[in-house]
Amino acid sequence: MRTLKKKNTLITGLPGTGKTTLIRKIAGALKSSNPSGFYTAEIREGSIRKGFELVSLTGERRLLSHTNIDSRHRVGKYRIDLDGFETFLDTIDFENPSAGPIIIDEIGKMECFSTKFIGLVENLLDSDKPVVAVVAMKGGGFPQKVKARHDIVLFELTRKNGDTIFEEILSLIQK
């Protein structure tokens, strides 16, 4: 009987528990393995969150969503720059043979408006490269489908277990 290796790691948790902070810390710890991917960063005006930008691990930045842009795609008060997101994805060399683990922040409602993103994530999860991704905690659709895969390990981040999860994820990836 063949054993299925769980090479994909998902991080979920409530807003404000530090998912992006954790994934950035993981990407930093894996720097010598040449990871590729992206994380999200908040756009704030004073204390008010106005949107999110995408940041590649090579430092490229692109708007993901904002309260003050025109788009038919929206999640809550945020309107999504779908064309910009898909253009941003093209700047990341996920297929580079010398690239190591894949980092994705996040597989969520905003990102899943893109069928290109969904196809990319499916291909990456099926590839030989380990994937570390933040995934939406609630809701159905594609994030739920990803969490139901048999080749994933799912961690639920809280404000108290970040250091433990960090060590566990590094241990899984470096096996």
C-alpha atoms as a PDB file:
ATOM      1  CA  MET A   1       0.000   0.000   0.000  1.00  0.00           C
ATOM      2  CA  ARG A   2       1.350   3.424  -0.967  1.00  0.00           C
ATOM      3  CA  THR A   3       1.519   6.084   1.735  1.00  0.00           C
ATOM      4  CA  LEU A   4       0.428   9.559   0.670  1.00  0.00           C
ATOM      5  CA  LYS A   5       2.879  12.184   1.865  1.00  0.00           C
ATOM      6  CA  LYS A   6       1.205  15.278   3.195  1.00  0.00           C
ATOM      7  CA  LYS A   7       3.472  17.846   1.570  1.00  0.00           C
ATOM      8  CA  ASN A   8       1.046  20.772   1.626  1.00  0.00           C
ATOM      9  CA  THR A   9       0.559  22.850   4.751  1.00  0.00           C
ATOM     10  CA  LEU A  10      -2.440  25.098   5.340  1.00  0.00           C
ATOM     11  CA  ILE A  11      -2.807  27.741   8.029  1.00  0.00           C
ATOM     12  CA  THR A  12      -6.222  28.998   9.041  1.00  0.00           C
ATOM     13  CA  GLY A  13      -7.499  31.117  11.904  1.00  0.00           C
ATOM     14  CA  LEU A  14      -9.655  34.021  12.893  1.00  0.00           C
ATOM     15  CA  PRO A  15      -8.791  37.544  11.704  1.00  0.00           C
ATOM     16  CA  GLY A  16      -6.049  39.142  13.767  1.00  0.00           C
ATOM     17  CA  THR A  17      -4.406  35.914  14.937  1.00  0.00           C
ATOM     18  CA  GLY A  18      -1.215  36.547  12.950  1.00  0.00           C
ATOM     19  CA  LYS A  19      -1.575  34.343   9.870  1.00  0.00           C
ATOM     20  CA  THR A  20       0.282  36.736   7.576  1.00  0.00           C
ATOM     21  CA  THR A  21       2.922  37.384  10.235  1.00  0.00           C
ATOM     22  CA  LEU A  22       3.446  33.631  10.573  1.00  0.00           C
ATOM     23  CA  ILE A  23       3.682  33.008   6.837  1.00  0.00           C
ATOM     24  CA  ARG A  24       6.195  35.857   6.459  1.00  0.00           C
ATOM     25  CA  LYS A  25       8.247  34.341   9.291  1.00  0.00           C
ATOM     26  CA  ILE A  26       8.126  30.936   7.571  1.00  0.00           C
ATOM     27  CA  ALA A  27       9.185  32.468   4.228  1.00  0.00           C
ATOM     28  CA  GLY A  28      12.102  34.180   5.979  1.00  0.00           C
ATOM     29  CA  ALA A  29      13.202  30.964   7.662  1.00  0.00           C
ATOM     30  CA  LEU A  30      13.078  29.160   4.299  1.00  0.00           C
ATOM     31  CA  LYS A  31      15.006  31.863   2.423  1.00  0.00           C
ATOM     32  CA  SER A  32      17.968  29.554   1.722  1.00  0.00           C
ATOM     33  CA  SER A  33      15.527  27.128   0.020  1.00  0.00           C
ATOM     34  CA  ASN A  34      14.562  29.841  -2.498  1.00  0.00           C
ATOM     35  CA  PRO A  35      10.800  29.983  -1.825  1.00  0.00           C
ATOM     36  CA  SER A  36       8.472  31.684  -4.291  1.00  0.00           C
ATOM     37  CA  GLY A  37       5.070  33.184  -3.725  1.00  0.00           C
ATOM     38  CA  PHE A  38       3.386  36.112  -2.063  1.00  0.00           C
ATOM     39  CA  TYR A  39       1.722  37.481   1.031  1.00  0.00           C
ATOM     40  CA  THR A  40      -0.837  40.201   1.615  1.00  0.00           C
ATOM     41  CA  ALA A  41      -0.367  43.463   3.472  1.00  0.00           C
ATOM     42  CA  GLU A  42      -2.974  45.848   4.802  1.00  0.00           C
ATOM     43  CA  ILE A  43      -3.364  49.306   3.310  1.00  0.00           C
ATOM     44  CA  ARG A  44      -4.216  51.745   6.079  1.00  0.00           C
ATOM     45  CA  GLU A  45      -5.088  55.405   6.206  1.00  0.00           C
ATOM     46  CA  GLY A  46      -4.463  56.282   9.815  1.00  0.00           C
ATOM     47  CA  SER A  47      -6.146  53.594  11.867  1.00  0.00           C
ATOM     48  CA  ILE A  48      -8.646  52.684   9.133  1.00  0.00           C
ATOM     49  CA  ARG A  49      -7.999  49.666   6.898  1.00  0.00           C
ATOM     50  CA  LYS A  50      -8.741  50.677   3.311  1.00  0.00           C
ATOM     51  CA  GLY A  51      -7.589  47.611   1.419  1.00  0.00           C
ATOM     52  CA  PHE A  52      -4.937  45.005   0.786  1.00  0.00           C
ATOM     53  CA  GLU A  53      -1.872  44.814  -1.405  1.00  0.00           C
ATOM     54  CA  LEU A  54      -0.006  41.783  -2.654  1.00  0.00           C
ATOM     55  CA  VAL A  55       3.725  41.502  -1.988  1.00  0.00           C
ATOM     56  CA  SER A  56       5.844  38.902  -3.776  1.00  0.00           C
ATOM     57  CA  LEU A  57       8.779  37.319  -1.964  1.00  0.00           C
ATOM     58  CA  THR A  58      11.009  39.287  -4.360  1.00  0.00           C
ATOM     59  CA  GLY A  59       9.409  42.575  -3.264  1.00  0.00           C
ATOM     60  CA  GLU A  60       7.028  43.276  -6.162  1.00  0.00           C
ATOM     61  CA  ARG A  61       3.817  44.983  -4.990  1.00  0.00           C
ATOM     62  CA  ARG A  62       0.349  45.207  -6.503  1.00  0.00           C
ATOM     63  CA  LEU A  63      -3.073  46.303  -5.291  1.00  0.00           C
ATOM     64  CA  LEU A  64      -5.479  43.455  -4.479  1.00  0.00           C
ATOM     65  CA  SER A  65      -8.436  45.380  -3.107  1.00  0.00           C
ATOM     66  CA  HIS A  66      -9.454  48.807  -1.871  1.00  0.00           C
ATOM     67  CA  THR A  67     -12.540  50.665  -0.755  1.00  0.00           C
ATOM     68  CA  ASN A  68     -11.931  53.427  -3.322  1.00  0.00           C
ATOM     69  CA  ILE A  69     -11.570  51.564  -6.620  1.00  0.00           C
ATOM     70  CA  ASP A  70     -14.212  50.683  -9.166  1.00  0.00           C
ATOM     71  CA  SER A  71     -14.807  46.959  -9.611  1.00  0.00           C
ATOM     72  CA  ARG A  72     -17.801  44.669  -9.888  1.00  0.00           C
ATOM     73  CA  HIS A  73     -15.985  42.127  -7.686  1.00  0.00           C
ATOM     74  CA  ARG A  74     -16.284  42.831  -3.987  1.00  0.00           C
ATOM     75  CA  VAL A  75     -15.979  41.269  -0.565  1.00  0.00           C
ATOM     76  CA  GLY A  76     -17.651  43.400   2.066  1.00  0.00           C
ATOM     77  CA  LYS A  77     -16.537  46.994   1.611  1.00  0.00           C
ATOM     78  CA  TYR A  78     -13.505  46.016  -0.478  1.00  0.00           C
ATOM     79  CA  ARG A  79     -13.520  46.022  -4.271  1.00  0.00           C
ATOM     80  CA  ILE A  80     -11.104  43.629  -5.921  1.00  0.00           C
ATOM     81  CA  ASP A  81      -8.678  44.556  -8.716  1.00  0.00           C
ATOM     82  CA  LEU A  82      -9.022  41.187 -10.443  1.00  0.00           C
ATOM     83  CA  ASP A  83      -6.996  42.112 -13.549  1.00  0.00           C
ATOM     84  CA  GLY A  84      -4.227  43.496 -11.358  1.00  0.00           C
ATOM     85  CA  PHE A  85      -4.195  40.331  -9.248  1.00  0.00           C
ATOM     86  CA  GLU A  86      -3.904  38.090 -12.294  1.00  0.00           C
ATOM     87  CA  THR A  87      -1.151  40.272 -13.770  1.00  0.00           C
ATOM     88  CA  PHE A  88       0.672  40.071 -10.427  1.00  0.00           C
ATOM     89  CA  LEU A  89       0.483  36.258 -10.470  1.00  0.00           C
ATOM     90  CA  ASP A  90       2.306  36.295 -13.826  1.00  0.00           C
ATOM     91  CA  THR A  91       5.288  38.065 -12.201  1.00  0.00           C
ATOM     92  CA  ILE A  92       5.952  35.155  -9.816  1.00  0.00           C
ATOM     93  CA  ASP A  93       8.007  32.279 -11.197  1.00  0.00           C
ATOM     94  CA  PHE A  94       6.223  29.402  -9.474  1.00  0.00           C
ATOM     95  CA  GLU A  95       7.475  26.935 -12.114  1.00  0.00           C
ATOM     96  CA  ASN A  96      11.189  27.737 -11.719  1.00  0.00           C
ATOM     97  CA  PRO A  97      12.932  24.380 -11.141  1.00  0.00           C
ATOM     98  CA  SER A  98      15.366  26.008  -8.697  1.00  0.00           C
ATOM     99  CA  ALA A  99      12.539  27.494  -6.626  1.00  0.00           C
ATOM    100  CA  GLY A 100      11.790  25.791  -3.349  1.00  0.00           C
ATOM    101  CA  PRO A 101       8.613  25.842  -1.275  1.00  0.00           C
ATOM    102  CA  ILE A 102       5.603  27.818  -2.485  1.00  0.00           C
ATOM    103  CA  ILE A 103       4.141  30.488  -0.178  1.00  0.00           C
ATOM    104  CA  ILE A 104       0.539  31.690  -0.701  1.00  0.00           C
ATOM    105  CA  ASP A 105      -1.263  34.248   1.482  1.00  0.00           C
ATOM    106  CA  GLU A 106      -4.057  33.629   0.957  1.00  0.00           C
ATOM    107  CA  ILE A 107      -6.617  31.257  -0.516  1.00  0.00           C
ATOM    108  CA  GLY A 108      -9.615  33.384   0.390  1.00  0.00           C
ATOM    109  CA  LYS A 109     -12.758  34.976  -0.975  1.00  0.00           C
ATOM    110  CA  MET A 110     -11.006  37.860  -2.710  1.00  0.00           C
ATOM    111  CA  GLU A 111      -8.446  35.702  -4.466  1.00  0.00           C
ATOM    112  CA  CYS A 112     -10.986  33.073  -5.502  1.00  0.00           C
ATOM    113  CA  PHE A 113     -12.773  35.461  -7.868  1.00  0.00           C
ATOM    114  CA  SER A 114      -9.889  34.513 -10.168  1.00  0.00           C
ATOM    115  CA  THR A 115     -10.260  31.238 -12.049  1.00  0.00           C
ATOM    116  CA  LYS A 116      -6.609  31.688 -13.024  1.00  0.00           C
ATOM    117  CA  PHE A 117      -5.645  31.688  -9.325  1.00  0.00           C
ATOM    118  CA  ILE A 118      -7.780  28.624  -8.589  1.00  0.00           C
ATOM    119  CA  GLY A 119      -6.138  26.700 -11.441  1.00  0.00           C
ATOM    120  CA  LEU A 120      -2.686  27.823 -10.324  1.00  0.00           C
ATOM    121  CA  VAL A 121      -3.302  26.718  -6.728  1.00  0.00           C
ATOM    122  CA  GLU A 122      -4.609  23.324  -7.862  1.00  0.00           C
ATOM    123  CA  ASN A 123      -1.514  22.808 -10.031  1.00  0.00           C
ATOM    124  CA  LEU A 124       0.840  23.877  -7.242  1.00  0.00           C
ATOM    125  CA  LEU A 125      -0.835  21.618  -4.678  1.00  0.00           C
ATOM    126  CA  ASP A 126      -0.500  18.718  -7.136  1.00  0.00           C
ATOM    127  CA  SER A 127       3.156  19.509  -7.903  1.00  0.00           C
ATOM    128  CA  ASP A 128       6.225  18.033  -6.209  1.00  0.00           C
ATOM    129  CA  LYS A 129       6.936  21.290  -4.362  1.00  0.00           C
ATOM    130  CA  PRO A 130       5.703  21.793  -0.811  1.00  0.00           C
ATOM    131  CA  VAL A 131       3.085  24.522  -0.487  1.00  0.00           C
ATOM    132  CA  VAL A 132       2.501  26.599   2.637  1.00  0.00           C
ATOM    133  CA  ALA A 133      -0.698  28.619   2.328  1.00  0.00           C
ATOM    134  CA  VAL A 134      -3.103  30.617   4.425  1.00  0.00           C
ATOM    135  CA  VAL A 135      -6.671  29.503   3.756  1.00  0.00           C
ATOM    136  CA  ALA A 136      -9.963  31.131   4.735  1.00  0.00           C
ATOM    137  CA  MET A 137     -11.351  29.698   7.949  1.00  0.00           C
ATOM    138  CA  LYS A 138     -15.015  30.088   7.064  1.00  0.00           C
ATOM    139  CA  GLY A 139     -17.075  29.654   3.953  1.00  0.00           C
ATOM    140  CA  GLY A 140     -17.354  27.032   1.278  1.00  0.00           C
ATOM    141  CA  GLY A 141     -16.256  26.908  -2.306  1.00  0.00           C
ATOM    142  CA  PHE A 142     -12.638  26.532  -3.285  1.00  0.00           C
ATOM    143  CA  PRO A 143     -11.098  27.177   0.171  1.00  0.00           C
ATOM    144  CA  GLN A 144     -13.254  24.371   1.590  1.00  0.00           C
ATOM    145  CA  LYS A 145     -12.249  22.081  -1.293  1.00  0.00           C
ATOM    146  CA  VAL A 146      -8.565  22.749  -0.587  1.00  0.00           C
ATOM    147  CA  LYS A 147      -8.996  21.995   3.126  1.00  0.00           C
ATOM    148  CA  ALA A 148     -10.649  18.655   2.245  1.00  0.00           C
ATOM    149  CA  ARG A 149      -7.650  17.384   0.250  1.00  0.00           C
ATOM    150  CA  HIS A 150      -5.905  14.267   1.533  1.00  0.00           C
ATOM    151  CA  ASP A 151      -2.393  15.648   1.009  1.00  0.00           C
ATOM    152  CA  ILE A 152      -2.595  18.579   3.428  1.00  0.00           C
ATOM    153  CA  VAL A 153      -1.831  19.251   7.053  1.00  0.00           C
ATOM    154  CA  LEU A 154      -4.124  21.946   8.466  1.00  0.00           C
ATOM    155  CA  PHE A 155      -3.099  24.165  11.386  1.00  0.00           C
ATOM    156  CA  GLU A 156      -5.504  26.483  13.178  1.00  0.00           C
ATOM    157  CA  LEU A 157      -3.609  29.516  14.407  1.00  0.00           C
ATOM    158  CA  THR A 158      -4.592  31.275  17.623  1.00  0.00           C
ATOM    159  CA  ARG A 159      -2.908  34.162  19.394  1.00  0.00           C
ATOM    160  CA  LYS A 160      -1.211  31.651  21.694  1.00  0.00           C
ATOM    161  CA  ASN A 161       0.127  28.886  19.444  1.00  0.00           C
ATOM    162  CA  GLY A 162       2.063  30.763  16.733  1.00  0.00           C
ATOM    163  CA  ASP A 163       5.556  29.782  17.910  1.00  0.00           C
ATOM    164  CA  THR A 164       4.609  26.117  18.217  1.00  0.00           C
ATOM    165  CA  ILE A 165       2.973  26.047  14.779  1.00  0.00           C
ATOM    166  CA  PHE A 166       5.988  27.820  13.253  1.00  0.00           C
ATOM    167  CA  GLU A 167       8.334  25.090  14.506  1.00  0.00           C
ATOM    168  CA  GLU A 168       5.967  22.293  13.426  1.00  0.00           C
ATOM    169  CA  ILE A 169       5.605  23.696   9.905  1.00  0.00           C
ATOM    170  CA  LEU A 170       9.362  24.136   9.472  1.00  0.00           C
ATOM    171  CA  SER A 171       9.867  20.572  10.642  1.00  0.00           C
ATOM    172  CA  LEU A 172       7.323  19.275   8.098  1.00  0.00           C
ATOM    173  CA  ILE A 173       8.825  21.203   5.187  1.00  0.00           C
ATOM    174  CA  GLN A 174      12.433  20.379   5.975  1.00  0.00           C
ATOM    175  CA  LYS A 175      11.841  16.588   6.128  1.00  0.00           C
END
